[in-house]
Amino acid sequence: IDDDGYQFLRVPFRAIDGQLDSNGCTVAIGRPFLLSHKYQQGIDD
């Protein structure tokens, strides 16, 4: 949604038939949610 603090809408899903890395995988959608990540400035200690 925005770069200021990294705001996202996340739409989760889970495999119900197969694995995510396989052809023909069927997934079920979960409840969407909003989240923020705040990253530190500079070098990661």
PDB file of all heavy atoms in Angstrom:
ATOM      1  N   ILE A   1       0.827  -1.203   0.000  1.00  0.00           N
ATOM      2  CA  ILE A   1       0.000   0.000   0.000  1.00  0.00           C
ATOM      3  C   ILE A   1       0.863   1.255   0.000  1.00  0.00           C
ATOM      4  O   ILE A   1       0.571   2.216  -0.709  1.00  0.00           O
ATOM      5  CB  ILE A   1      -0.952   0.003   1.217  1.00  0.00           C
ATOM      6  CG1 ILE A   1      -1.953  -1.150   1.088  1.00  0.00           C
ATOM      7  CG2 ILE A   1      -1.682   1.336   1.346  1.00  0.00           C
ATOM      8  CD1 ILE A   1      -2.827  -1.358   2.301  1.00  0.00           C
ATOM      9  N   ASP A   2       1.941   1.241   0.794  1.00  0.00           N
ATOM     10  CA  ASP A   2       2.772   2.438   0.908  1.00  0.00           C
ATOM     11  C   ASP A   2       4.168   2.052   1.370  1.00  0.00           C
ATOM     12  O   ASP A   2       4.348   1.082   2.104  1.00  0.00           O
ATOM     13  CB  ASP A   2       2.140   3.408   1.911  1.00  0.00           C
ATOM     14  CG  ASP A   2       2.833   4.759   1.915  1.00  0.00           C
ATOM     15  OD1 ASP A   2       2.700   5.489   0.917  1.00  0.00           O
ATOM     16  OD2 ASP A   2       3.518   5.067   2.899  1.00  0.00           O
ATOM     17  N   ASP A   3       5.153   2.826   0.937  1.00  0.00           N
ATOM     18  CA  ASP A   3       6.543   2.593   1.327  1.00  0.00           C
ATOM     19  C   ASP A   3       6.885   3.157   2.702  1.00  0.00           C
ATOM     20  O   ASP A   3       7.877   2.773   3.291  1.00  0.00           O
ATOM     21  CB  ASP A   3       7.499   3.234   0.308  1.00  0.00           C
ATOM     22  CG  ASP A   3       7.526   2.456  -0.989  1.00  0.00           C
ATOM     23  OD1 ASP A   3       7.386   1.225  -0.944  1.00  0.00           O
ATOM     24  OD2 ASP A   3       7.696   3.090  -2.044  1.00  0.00           O
ATOM     25  N   ASP A   4       6.090   4.068   3.198  1.00  0.00           N
ATOM     26  CA  ASP A   4       6.372   4.701   4.482  1.00  0.00           C
ATOM     27  C   ASP A   4       6.070   3.725   5.609  1.00  0.00           C
ATOM     28  O   ASP A   4       4.951   3.634   6.091  1.00  0.00           O
ATOM     29  CB  ASP A   4       5.534   5.973   4.633  1.00  0.00           C
ATOM     30  CG  ASP A   4       5.795   6.685   5.948  1.00  0.00           C
ATOM     31  OD1 ASP A   4       6.920   6.582   6.485  1.00  0.00           O
ATOM     32  OD2 ASP A   4       4.864   7.345   6.449  1.00  0.00           O
ATOM     33  N   GLY A   5       7.074   2.957   6.026  1.00  0.00           N
ATOM     34  CA  GLY A   5       6.862   1.956   7.055  1.00  0.00           C
ATOM     35  C   GLY A   5       6.445   0.616   6.490  1.00  0.00           C
ATOM     36  O   GLY A   5       6.267  -0.333   7.232  1.00  0.00           O
ATOM     37  N   TYR A   6       6.293   0.522   5.192  1.00  0.00           N
ATOM     38  CA  TYR A   6       5.934  -0.718   4.524  1.00  0.00           C
ATOM     39  C   TYR A   6       4.580  -1.262   4.971  1.00  0.00           C
ATOM     40  O   TYR A   6       4.488  -2.206   5.739  1.00  0.00           O
ATOM     41  CB  TYR A   6       7.015  -1.789   4.720  1.00  0.00           C
ATOM     42  CG  TYR A   6       8.335  -1.412   4.105  1.00  0.00           C
ATOM     43  CD1 TYR A   6       9.317  -0.803   4.858  1.00  0.00           C
ATOM     44  CD2 TYR A   6       8.577  -1.666   2.763  1.00  0.00           C
ATOM     45  CE1 TYR A   6      10.527  -0.444   4.288  1.00  0.00           C
ATOM     46  CE2 TYR A   6       9.783  -1.310   2.188  1.00  0.00           C
ATOM     47  CZ  TYR A   6      10.758  -0.700   2.961  1.00  0.00           C
ATOM     48  OH  TYR A   6      11.950  -0.343   2.400  1.00  0.00           O
ATOM     49  N   GLN A   7       3.517  -0.664   4.476  1.00  0.00           N
ATOM     50  CA  GLN A   7       2.160  -1.115   4.768  1.00  0.00           C
ATOM     51  C   GLN A   7       1.693  -2.061   3.659  1.00  0.00           C
ATOM     52  O   GLN A   7       1.875  -1.774   2.467  1.00  0.00           O
ATOM     53  CB  GLN A   7       1.185   0.061   4.873  1.00  0.00           C
ATOM     54  CG  GLN A   7       1.245   0.790   6.184  1.00  0.00           C
ATOM     55  CD  GLN A   7       2.454   1.675   6.327  1.00  0.00           C
ATOM     56  OE1 GLN A   7       2.880   2.296   5.382  1.00  0.00           O
ATOM     57  NE2 GLN A   7       3.004   1.728   7.524  1.00  0.00           N
ATOM     58  N   PHE A   8       1.083  -3.172   4.059  1.00  0.00           N
ATOM     59  CA  PHE A   8       0.645  -4.192   3.119  1.00  0.00           C
ATOM     60  C   PHE A   8      -0.771  -4.661   3.429  1.00  0.00           C
ATOM     61  O   PHE A   8      -1.187  -4.681   4.579  1.00  0.00           O
ATOM     62  CB  PHE A   8       1.536  -5.444   3.220  1.00  0.00           C
ATOM     63  CG  PHE A   8       2.936  -5.244   2.754  1.00  0.00           C
ATOM     64  CD1 PHE A   8       3.912  -4.835   3.640  1.00  0.00           C
ATOM     65  CD2 PHE A   8       3.281  -5.483   1.438  1.00  0.00           C
ATOM     66  CE1 PHE A   8       5.220  -4.663   3.226  1.00  0.00           C
ATOM     67  CE2 PHE A   8       4.587  -5.316   1.010  1.00  0.00           C
ATOM     68  CZ  PHE A   8       5.554  -4.898   1.907  1.00  0.00           C
ATOM     69  N   LEU A   9      -1.470  -5.089   2.368  1.00  0.00           N
ATOM     70  CA  LEU A   9      -2.639  -5.929   2.506  1.00  0.00           C
ATOM     71  C   LEU A   9      -2.134  -7.332   2.214  1.00  0.00           C
ATOM     72  O   LEU A   9      -1.525  -7.574   1.172  1.00  0.00           O
ATOM     73  CB  LEU A   9      -3.734  -5.561   1.509  1.00  0.00           C
ATOM     74  CG  LEU A   9      -4.896  -6.564   1.448  1.00  0.00           C
ATOM     75  CD1 LEU A   9      -5.676  -6.572   2.758  1.00  0.00           C
ATOM     76  CD2 LEU A   9      -5.805  -6.267   0.276  1.00  0.00           C
ATOM     77  N   ARG A  10      -2.346  -8.243   3.126  1.00  0.00           N
ATOM     78  CA  ARG A  10      -1.908  -9.635   2.945  1.00  0.00           C
ATOM     79  C   ARG A  10      -3.141 -10.516   2.816  1.00  0.00           C
ATOM     80  O   ARG A  10      -4.070 -10.435   3.616  1.00  0.00           O
ATOM     81  CB  ARG A  10      -1.048 -10.091   4.115  1.00  0.00           C
ATOM     82  CG  ARG A  10      -0.637 -11.556   4.013  1.00  0.00           C
ATOM     83  CD  ARG A  10       0.550 -11.868   4.864  1.00  0.00           C
ATOM     84  NE  ARG A  10       1.741 -11.283   4.248  1.00  0.00           N
ATOM     85  CZ  ARG A  10       2.925 -11.232   4.837  1.00  0.00           C
ATOM     86  NH1 ARG A  10       3.075 -11.706   6.055  1.00  0.00           N
ATOM     87  NH2 ARG A  10       3.948 -10.697   4.209  1.00  0.00           N
ATOM     88  N   VAL A  11      -3.121 -11.363   1.781  1.00  0.00           N
ATOM     89  CA  VAL A  11      -4.195 -12.315   1.531  1.00  0.00           C
ATOM     90  C   VAL A  11      -3.585 -13.714   1.689  1.00  0.00           C
ATOM     91  O   VAL A  11      -2.915 -14.207   0.786  1.00  0.00           O
ATOM     92  CB  VAL A  11      -4.805 -12.137   0.128  1.00  0.00           C
ATOM     93  CG1 VAL A  11      -5.934 -13.129  -0.099  1.00  0.00           C
ATOM     94  CG2 VAL A  11      -5.285 -10.703  -0.080  1.00  0.00           C
ATOM     95  N   PRO A  12      -3.811 -14.335   2.843  1.00  0.00           N
ATOM     96  CA  PRO A  12      -3.217 -15.656   3.076  1.00  0.00           C
ATOM     97  C   PRO A  12      -3.971 -16.755   2.333  1.00  0.00           C
ATOM     98  O   PRO A  12      -5.153 -16.614   2.015  1.00  0.00           O
ATOM     99  CB  PRO A  12      -3.344 -15.832   4.590  1.00  0.00           C
ATOM    100  CG  PRO A  12      -4.520 -15.007   4.970  1.00  0.00           C
ATOM    101  CD  PRO A  12      -4.562 -13.852   3.998  1.00  0.00           C
ATOM    102  N   PHE A  13      -3.261 -17.833   2.048  1.00  0.00           N
ATOM    103  CA  PHE A  13      -3.893 -19.010   1.456  1.00  0.00           C
ATOM    104  C   PHE A  13      -3.189 -20.253   1.972  1.00  0.00           C
ATOM    105  O   PHE A  13      -2.063 -20.186   2.459  1.00  0.00           O
ATOM    106  CB  PHE A  13      -3.865 -18.950  -0.081  1.00  0.00           C
ATOM    107  CG  PHE A  13      -2.492 -18.796  -0.672  1.00  0.00           C
ATOM    108  CD1 PHE A  13      -1.671 -19.901  -0.873  1.00  0.00           C
ATOM    109  CD2 PHE A  13      -2.014 -17.549  -1.037  1.00  0.00           C
ATOM    110  CE1 PHE A  13      -0.408 -19.763  -1.430  1.00  0.00           C
ATOM    111  CE2 PHE A  13      -0.749 -17.394  -1.592  1.00  0.00           C
ATOM    112  CZ  PHE A  13       0.053 -18.507  -1.794  1.00  0.00           C
ATOM    113  N   ARG A  14      -3.889 -21.374   1.882  1.00  0.00           N
ATOM    114  CA  ARG A  14      -3.298 -22.649   2.289  1.00  0.00           C
ATOM    115  C   ARG A  14      -3.641 -23.697   1.242  1.00  0.00           C
ATOM    116  O   ARG A  14      -4.707 -23.647   0.609  1.00  0.00           O
ATOM    117  CB  ARG A  14      -3.784 -23.072   3.667  1.00  0.00           C
ATOM    118  CG  ARG A  14      -5.247 -23.325   3.772  1.00  0.00           C
ATOM    119  CD  ARG A  14      -5.704 -23.797   5.154  1.00  0.00           C
ATOM    120  NE  ARG A  14      -7.145 -23.816   5.232  1.00  0.00           N
ATOM    121  CZ  ARG A  14      -7.924 -24.740   4.684  1.00  0.00           C
ATOM    122  NH1 ARG A  14      -7.399 -25.746   4.040  1.00  0.00           N
ATOM    123  NH2 ARG A  14      -9.242 -24.664   4.789  1.00  0.00           N
ATOM    124  N   ALA A  15      -2.713 -24.603   1.044  1.00  0.00           N
ATOM    125  CA  ALA A  15      -2.924 -25.681   0.079  1.00  0.00           C
ATOM    126  C   ALA A  15      -3.976 -26.650   0.616  1.00  0.00           C
ATOM    127  O   ALA A  15      -3.940 -27.031   1.779  1.00  0.00           O
ATOM    128  CB  ALA A  15      -1.615 -26.411  -0.174  1.00  0.00           C
ATOM    129  N   ILE A  16      -4.916 -27.011  -0.236  1.00  0.00           N
ATOM    130  CA  ILE A  16      -5.900 -28.020   0.155  1.00  0.00           C
ATOM    131  C   ILE A  16      -5.805 -29.241  -0.743  1.00  0.00           C
ATOM    132  O   ILE A  16      -6.370 -30.281  -0.433  1.00  0.00           O
ATOM    133  CB  ILE A  16      -7.336 -27.458   0.155  1.00  0.00           C
ATOM    134  CG1 ILE A  16      -7.707 -26.896  -1.204  1.00  0.00           C
ATOM    135  CG2 ILE A  16      -7.507 -26.422   1.243  1.00  0.00           C
ATOM    136  CD1 ILE A  16      -9.172 -26.573  -1.336  1.00  0.00           C
ATOM    137  N   ASP A  17      -5.091 -29.112  -1.861  1.00  0.00           N
ATOM    138  CA  ASP A  17      -4.866 -30.236  -2.768  1.00  0.00           C
ATOM    139  C   ASP A  17      -3.515 -30.036  -3.431  1.00  0.00           C
ATOM    140  O   ASP A  17      -3.373 -29.162  -4.282  1.00  0.00           O
ATOM    141  CB  ASP A  17      -5.984 -30.309  -3.808  1.00  0.00           C
ATOM    142  CG  ASP A  17      -5.854 -31.508  -4.727  1.00  0.00           C
ATOM    143  OD1 ASP A  17      -5.184 -32.491  -4.360  1.00  0.00           O
ATOM    144  OD2 ASP A  17      -6.432 -31.460  -5.828  1.00  0.00           O
ATOM    145  N   GLY A  18      -2.516 -30.785  -3.012  1.00  0.00           N
ATOM    146  CA  GLY A  18      -1.176 -30.650  -3.555  1.00  0.00           C
ATOM    147  C   GLY A  18      -0.316 -29.727  -2.706  1.00  0.00           C
ATOM    148  O   GLY A  18      -0.736 -29.257  -1.644  1.00  0.00           O
ATOM    149  N   GLN A  19       0.903 -29.497  -3.191  1.00  0.00           N
ATOM    150  CA  GLN A  19       1.825 -28.577  -2.527  1.00  0.00           C
ATOM    151  C   GLN A  19       1.998 -27.352  -3.400  1.00  0.00           C
ATOM    152  O   GLN A  19       1.832 -27.414  -4.619  1.00  0.00           O
ATOM    153  CB  GLN A  19       3.177 -29.244  -2.290  1.00  0.00           C
ATOM    154  CG  GLN A  19       3.125 -30.375  -1.292  1.00  0.00           C
ATOM    155  CD  GLN A  19       4.504 -30.956  -1.022  1.00  0.00           C
ATOM    156  OE1 GLN A  19       5.418 -30.840  -1.820  1.00  0.00           O
ATOM    157  NE2 GLN A  19       4.644 -31.582   0.136  1.00  0.00           N
ATOM    158  N   LEU A  20       2.347 -26.241  -2.777  1.00  0.00           N
ATOM    159  CA  LEU A  20       2.415 -24.969  -3.504  1.00  0.00           C
ATOM    160  C   LEU A  20       3.388 -25.005  -4.671  1.00  0.00           C
ATOM    161  O   LEU A  20       3.225 -24.259  -5.625  1.00  0.00           O
ATOM    162  CB  LEU A  20       2.775 -23.832  -2.550  1.00  0.00           C
ATOM    163  CG  LEU A  20       1.786 -23.552  -1.424  1.00  0.00           C
ATOM    164  CD1 LEU A  20       2.221 -22.325  -0.642  1.00  0.00           C
ATOM    165  CD2 LEU A  20       0.368 -23.382  -1.938  1.00  0.00           C
ATOM    166  N   ASP A  21       4.405 -25.842  -4.600  1.00  0.00           N
ATOM    167  CA  ASP A  21       5.392 -25.882  -5.675  1.00  0.00           C
ATOM    168  C   ASP A  21       5.052 -26.926  -6.745  1.00  0.00           C
ATOM    169  O   ASP A  21       5.865 -27.190  -7.621  1.00  0.00           O
ATOM    170  CB  ASP A  21       6.791 -26.133  -5.109  1.00  0.00           C
ATOM    171  CG  ASP A  21       6.929 -27.485  -4.447  1.00  0.00           C
ATOM    172  OD1 ASP A  21       5.892 -28.096  -4.122  1.00  0.00           O
ATOM    173  OD2 ASP A  21       8.070 -27.927  -4.262  1.00  0.00           O
ATOM    174  N   SER A  22       3.853 -27.498  -6.704  1.00  0.00           N
ATOM    175  CA  SER A  22       3.476 -28.508  -7.688  1.00  0.00           C
ATOM    176  C   SER A  22       2.393 -27.975  -8.624  1.00  0.00           C
ATOM    177  O   SER A  22       1.594 -27.115  -8.255  1.00  0.00           O
ATOM    178  CB  SER A  22       2.993 -29.782  -6.988  1.00  0.00           C
ATOM    179  OG  SER A  22       1.822 -29.525  -6.246  1.00  0.00           O
ATOM    180  N   ASN A  23       2.370 -28.515  -9.833  1.00  0.00           N
ATOM    181  CA  ASN A  23       1.340 -28.130 -10.806  1.00  0.00           C
ATOM    182  C   ASN A  23      -0.030 -28.556 -10.316  1.00  0.00           C
ATOM    183  O   ASN A  23      -0.186 -29.620  -9.718  1.00  0.00           O
ATOM    184  CB  ASN A  23       1.616 -28.782 -12.164  1.00  0.00           C
ATOM    185  CG  ASN A  23       2.814 -28.177 -12.856  1.00  0.00           C
ATOM    186  OD1 ASN A  23       3.163 -27.031 -12.615  1.00  0.00           O
ATOM    187  ND2 ASN A  23       3.447 -28.959 -13.708  1.00  0.00           N
ATOM    188  N   GLY A  24      -1.030 -27.730 -10.549  1.00  0.00           N
ATOM    189  CA  GLY A  24      -2.395 -28.065 -10.207  1.00  0.00           C
ATOM    190  C   GLY A  24      -2.741 -27.937  -8.739  1.00  0.00           C
ATOM    191  O   GLY A  24      -3.769 -28.454  -8.312  1.00  0.00           O
ATOM    192  N   CYS A  25      -1.932 -27.237  -7.975  1.00  0.00           N
ATOM    193  CA  CYS A  25      -2.202 -27.064  -6.546  1.00  0.00           C
ATOM    194  C   CYS A  25      -3.451 -26.202  -6.358  1.00  0.00           C
ATOM    195  O   CYS A  25      -3.597 -25.143  -6.967  1.00  0.00           O
ATOM    196  CB  CYS A  25      -1.013 -26.396  -5.864  1.00  0.00           C
ATOM    197  SG  CYS A  25      -1.296 -26.060  -4.115  1.00  0.00           S
ATOM    198  N   THR A  26      -4.360 -26.679  -5.518  1.00  0.00           N
ATOM    199  CA  THR A  26      -5.561 -25.918  -5.176  1.00  0.00           C
ATOM    200  C   THR A  26      -5.365 -25.315  -3.794  1.00  0.00           C
ATOM    201  O   THR A  26      -4.886 -25.986  -2.881  1.00  0.00           O
ATOM    202  CB  THR A  26      -6.802 -26.831  -5.178  1.00  0.00           C
ATOM    203  OG1 THR A  26      -6.934 -27.425  -6.470  1.00  0.00           O
ATOM    204  CG2 THR A  26      -8.064 -26.041  -4.861  1.00  0.00           C
ATOM    205  N   VAL A  27      -5.740 -24.040  -3.661  1.00  0.00           N
ATOM    206  CA  VAL A  27      -5.586 -23.337  -2.385  1.00  0.00           C
ATOM    207  C   VAL A  27      -6.920 -22.774  -1.925  1.00  0.00           C
ATOM    208  O   VAL A  27      -7.819 -22.536  -2.734  1.00  0.00           O
ATOM    209  CB  VAL A  27      -4.546 -22.193  -2.477  1.00  0.00           C
ATOM    210  CG1 VAL A  27      -3.165 -22.736  -2.820  1.00  0.00           C
ATOM    211  CG2 VAL A  27      -4.966 -21.124  -3.471  1.00  0.00           C
ATOM    212  N   ALA A  28      -7.029 -22.581  -0.619  1.00  0.00           N
ATOM    213  CA  ALA A  28      -8.184 -21.909  -0.021  1.00  0.00           C
ATOM    214  C   ALA A  28      -7.711 -20.569   0.508  1.00  0.00           C
ATOM    215  O   ALA A  28      -6.667 -20.472   1.154  1.00  0.00           O
ATOM    216  CB  ALA A  28      -8.764 -22.749   1.113  1.00  0.00           C
ATOM    217  N   ILE A  29      -8.468 -19.533   0.242  1.00  0.00           N
ATOM    218  CA  ILE A  29      -8.118 -18.184   0.684  1.00  0.00           C
ATOM    219  C   ILE A  29      -8.531 -17.995   2.139  1.00  0.00           C
ATOM    220  O   ILE A  29      -9.623 -18.397   2.548  1.00  0.00           O
ATOM    221  CB  ILE A  29      -8.789 -17.131  -0.213  1.00  0.00           C
ATOM    222  CG1 ILE A  29      -8.202 -17.233  -1.623  1.00  0.00           C
ATOM    223  CG2 ILE A  29      -8.606 -15.724   0.348  1.00  0.00           C
ATOM    224  CD1 ILE A  29      -8.797 -16.268  -2.609  1.00  0.00           C
ATOM    225  N   GLY A  30      -7.652 -17.370   2.911  1.00  0.00           N
ATOM    226  CA  GLY A  30      -7.942 -17.045   4.299  1.00  0.00           C
ATOM    227  C   GLY A  30      -8.443 -15.610   4.429  1.00  0.00           C
ATOM    228  O   GLY A  30      -8.712 -14.937   3.438  1.00  0.00           O
ATOM    229  N   ARG A  31      -8.540 -15.137   5.661  1.00  0.00           N
ATOM    230  CA  ARG A  31      -9.017 -13.778   5.916  1.00  0.00           C
ATOM    231  C   ARG A  31      -7.909 -12.762   5.623  1.00  0.00           C
ATOM    232  O   ARG A  31      -6.826 -12.829   6.199  1.00  0.00           O
ATOM    233  CB  ARG A  31      -9.463 -13.622   7.359  1.00  0.00           C
ATOM    234  CG  ARG A  31      -9.935 -12.193   7.666  1.00  0.00           C
ATOM    235  CD  ARG A  31     -10.640 -12.091   8.964  1.00  0.00           C
ATOM    236  NE  ARG A  31     -11.959 -12.700   8.791  1.00  0.00           N
ATOM    237  CZ  ARG A  31     -12.899 -12.705   9.722  1.00  0.00           C
ATOM    238  NH1 ARG A  31     -12.675 -12.172  10.897  1.00  0.00           N
ATOM    239  NH2 ARG A  31     -14.061 -13.256   9.497  1.00  0.00           N
ATOM    240  N   PRO A  32      -8.157 -11.799   4.726  1.00  0.00           N
ATOM    241  CA  PRO A  32      -7.169 -10.750   4.453  1.00  0.00           C
ATOM    242  C   PRO A  32      -6.926  -9.895   5.697  1.00  0.00           C
ATOM    243  O   PRO A  32      -7.804  -9.748   6.553  1.00  0.00           O
ATOM    244  CB  PRO A  32      -7.830  -9.909   3.357  1.00  0.00           C
ATOM    245  CG  PRO A  32      -8.889 -10.779   2.765  1.00  0.00           C
ATOM    246  CD  PRO A  32      -9.355 -11.657   3.891  1.00  0.00           C
ATOM    247  N   PHE A  33      -5.718  -9.332   5.771  1.00  0.00           N
ATOM    248  CA  PHE A  33      -5.408  -8.440   6.880  1.00  0.00           C
ATOM    249  C   PHE A  33      -4.372  -7.412   6.465  1.00  0.00           C
ATOM    250  O   PHE A  33      -3.628  -7.593   5.502  1.00  0.00           O
ATOM    251  CB  PHE A  33      -4.963  -9.218   8.130  1.00  0.00           C
ATOM    252  CG  PHE A  33      -3.753 -10.088   7.936  1.00  0.00           C
ATOM    253  CD1 PHE A  33      -2.477  -9.610   8.222  1.00  0.00           C
ATOM    254  CD2 PHE A  33      -3.888 -11.391   7.499  1.00  0.00           C
ATOM    255  CE1 PHE A  33      -1.364 -10.423   8.061  1.00  0.00           C
ATOM    256  CE2 PHE A  33      -2.779 -12.213   7.342  1.00  0.00           C
ATOM    257  CZ  PHE A  33      -1.514 -11.729   7.626  1.00  0.00           C
ATOM    258  N   LEU A  34      -4.381  -6.307   7.199  1.00  0.00           N
ATOM    259  CA  LEU A  34      -3.432  -5.216   6.982  1.00  0.00           C
ATOM    260  C   LEU A  34      -2.295  -5.370   7.982  1.00  0.00           C
ATOM    261  O   LEU A  34      -2.531  -5.688   9.144  1.00  0.00           O
ATOM    262  CB  LEU A  34      -4.122  -3.870   7.187  1.00  0.00           C
ATOM    263  CG  LEU A  34      -5.305  -3.592   6.253  1.00  0.00           C
ATOM    264  CD1 LEU A  34      -6.075  -2.373   6.735  1.00  0.00           C
ATOM    265  CD2 LEU A  34      -4.831  -3.407   4.831  1.00  0.00           C
ATOM    266  N   LEU A  35      -1.076  -5.133   7.520  1.00  0.00           N
ATOM    267  CA  LEU A  35       0.056  -5.197   8.429  1.00  0.00           C
ATOM    268  C   LEU A  35       1.103  -4.182   8.034  1.00  0.00           C
ATOM    269  O   LEU A  35       1.156  -3.737   6.891  1.00  0.00           O
ATOM    270  CB  LEU A  35       0.669  -6.591   8.480  1.00  0.00           C
ATOM    271  CG  LEU A  35       1.520  -7.026   7.298  1.00  0.00           C
ATOM    272  CD1 LEU A  35       2.561  -8.027   7.780  1.00  0.00           C
ATOM    273  CD2 LEU A  35       0.665  -7.662   6.229  1.00  0.00           C
ATOM    274  N   SER A  36       1.920  -3.808   9.011  1.00  0.00           N
ATOM    275  CA  SER A  36       3.032  -2.885   8.806  1.00  0.00           C
ATOM    276  C   SER A  36       4.321  -3.560   9.235  1.00  0.00           C
ATOM    277  O   SER A  36       4.344  -4.301  10.210  1.00  0.00           O
ATOM    278  CB  SER A  36       2.875  -1.623   9.658  1.00  0.00           C
ATOM    279  OG  SER A  36       1.904  -0.774   9.145  1.00  0.00           O
ATOM    280  N   HIS A  37       5.365  -3.276   8.500  1.00  0.00           N
ATOM    281  CA  HIS A  37       6.718  -3.661   8.908  1.00  0.00           C
ATOM    282  C   HIS A  37       7.512  -2.377   9.021  1.00  0.00           C
ATOM    283  O   HIS A  37       7.475  -1.544   8.130  1.00  0.00           O
ATOM    284  CB  HIS A  37       7.389  -4.556   7.866  1.00  0.00           C
ATOM    285  CG  HIS A  37       6.869  -5.944   7.814  1.00  0.00           C
ATOM    286  ND1 HIS A  37       6.912  -6.800   8.878  1.00  0.00           N
ATOM    287  CD2 HIS A  37       6.303  -6.636   6.800  1.00  0.00           C
ATOM    288  CE1 HIS A  37       6.401  -7.966   8.525  1.00  0.00           C
ATOM    289  NE2 HIS A  37       6.009  -7.888   7.278  1.00  0.00           N
ATOM    290  N   LYS A  38       8.232  -2.219  10.112  1.00  0.00           N
ATOM    291  CA  LYS A  38       9.131  -1.081  10.260  1.00  0.00           C
ATOM    292  C   LYS A  38      10.548  -1.619  10.250  1.00  0.00           C
ATOM    293  O   LYS A  38      10.905  -2.457  11.070  1.00  0.00           O
ATOM    294  CB  LYS A  38       8.870  -0.320  11.561  1.00  0.00           C
ATOM    295  CG  LYS A  38       7.624   0.505  11.518  1.00  0.00           C
ATOM    296  CD  LYS A  38       7.555   1.443  12.690  1.00  0.00           C
ATOM    297  CE  LYS A  38       6.292   2.273  12.593  1.00  0.00           C
ATOM    298  NZ  LYS A  38       6.141   3.174  13.706  1.00  0.00           N
ATOM    299  N   TYR A  39      11.339  -1.144   9.300  1.00  0.00           N
ATOM    300  CA  TYR A  39      12.718  -1.600   9.179  1.00  0.00           C
ATOM    301  C   TYR A  39      13.654  -0.565   9.764  1.00  0.00           C
ATOM    302  O   TYR A  39      13.404   0.633   9.690  1.00  0.00           O
ATOM    303  CB  TYR A  39      13.065  -1.863   7.711  1.00  0.00           C
ATOM    304  CG  TYR A  39      12.367  -3.085   7.191  1.00  0.00           C
ATOM    305  CD1 TYR A  39      11.114  -2.991   6.595  1.00  0.00           C
ATOM    306  CD2 TYR A  39      12.932  -4.337   7.333  1.00  0.00           C
ATOM    307  CE1 TYR A  39      10.460  -4.115   6.144  1.00  0.00           C
ATOM    308  CE2 TYR A  39      12.284  -5.472   6.889  1.00  0.00           C
ATOM    309  CZ  TYR A  39      11.050  -5.349   6.293  1.00  0.00           C
ATOM    310  OH  TYR A  39      10.396  -6.465   5.856  1.00  0.00           O
ATOM    311  N   GLN A  40      14.745  -1.063  10.337  1.00  0.00           N
ATOM    312  CA  GLN A  40      15.719  -0.149  10.909  1.00  0.00           C
ATOM    313  C   GLN A  40      16.520   0.516   9.801  1.00  0.00           C
ATOM    314  O   GLN A  40      16.696  -0.037   8.729  1.00  0.00           O
ATOM    315  CB  GLN A  40      16.637  -0.875  11.888  1.00  0.00           C
ATOM    316  CG  GLN A  40      17.455  -1.992  11.292  1.00  0.00           C
ATOM    317  CD  GLN A  40      18.211  -2.748  12.369  1.00  0.00           C
ATOM    318  OE1 GLN A  40      18.186  -2.379  13.531  1.00  0.00           O
ATOM    319  NE2 GLN A  40      18.876  -3.798  11.987  1.00  0.00           N
ATOM    320  N   GLN A  41      16.956   1.708  10.068  1.00  0.00           N
ATOM    321  CA  GLN A  41      17.768   2.453   9.126  1.00  0.00           C
ATOM    322  C   GLN A  41      19.221   2.026   9.262  1.00  0.00           C
ATOM    323  O   GLN A  41      19.677   1.660  10.333  1.00  0.00           O
ATOM    324  CB  GLN A  41      17.656   3.966   9.396  1.00  0.00           C
ATOM    325  CG  GLN A  41      16.262   4.525   9.220  1.00  0.00           C
ATOM    326  CD  GLN A  41      15.786   4.465   7.796  1.00  0.00           C
ATOM    327  OE1 GLN A  41      16.553   4.677   6.870  1.00  0.00           O
ATOM    328  NE2 GLN A  41      14.513   4.156   7.613  1.00  0.00           N
ATOM    329  N   GLY A  42      19.955   2.059   8.165  1.00  0.00           N
ATOM    330  CA  GLY A  42      21.384   1.772   8.226  1.00  0.00           C
ATOM    331  C   GLY A  42      21.676   0.288   8.165  1.00  0.00           C
ATOM    332  O   GLY A  42      20.911  -0.516   7.663  1.00  0.00           O
ATOM    333  N   ILE A  43      22.797  -0.079   8.739  1.00  0.00           N
ATOM    334  CA  ILE A  43      23.287  -1.443   8.671  1.00  0.00           C
ATOM    335  C   ILE A  43      22.616  -2.292   9.744  1.00  0.00           C
ATOM    336  O   ILE A  43      22.465  -1.871  10.884  1.00  0.00           O
ATOM    337  CB  ILE A  43      24.820  -1.472   8.863  1.00  0.00           C
ATOM    338  CG1 ILE A  43      25.472  -0.688   7.719  1.00  0.00           C
ATOM    339  CG2 ILE A  43      25.343  -2.887   8.915  1.00  0.00           C
ATOM    340  CD1 ILE A  43      26.957  -0.509   7.878  1.00  0.00           C
ATOM    341  N   ASP A  44      22.267  -3.501   9.368  1.00  0.00           N
ATOM    342  CA  ASP A  44      21.645  -4.447  10.298  1.00  0.00           C
ATOM    343  C   ASP A  44      22.685  -4.932  11.286  1.00  0.00           C
ATOM    344  O   ASP A  44      23.700  -5.499  10.907  1.00  0.00           O
ATOM    345  CB  ASP A  44      21.072  -5.625   9.517  1.00  0.00           C
ATOM    346  CG  ASP A  44      20.255  -6.565  10.376  1.00  0.00           C
ATOM    347  OD1 ASP A  44      20.222  -6.377  11.603  1.00  0.00           O
ATOM    348  OD2 ASP A  44      19.652  -7.484   9.807  1.00  0.00           O
ATOM    349  N   ASP A  45      22.426  -4.705  12.570  1.00  0.00           N
ATOM    350  CA  ASP A  45      23.391  -5.104  13.583  1.00  0.00           C
ATOM    351  C   ASP A  45      23.381  -6.605  13.844  1.00  0.00           C
ATOM    352  O   ASP A  45      24.224  -7.134  14.549  1.00  0.00           O
ATOM    353  CB  ASP A  45      23.177  -4.344  14.899  1.00  0.00           C
ATOM    354  CG  ASP A  45      21.753  -4.434  15.407  1.00  0.00           C
ATOM    355  OD1 ASP A  45      20.875  -4.893  14.654  1.00  0.00           O
ATOM    356  OD2 ASP A  45      21.521  -4.028  16.556  1.00  0.00           O
TER     357      ASP A  45
END
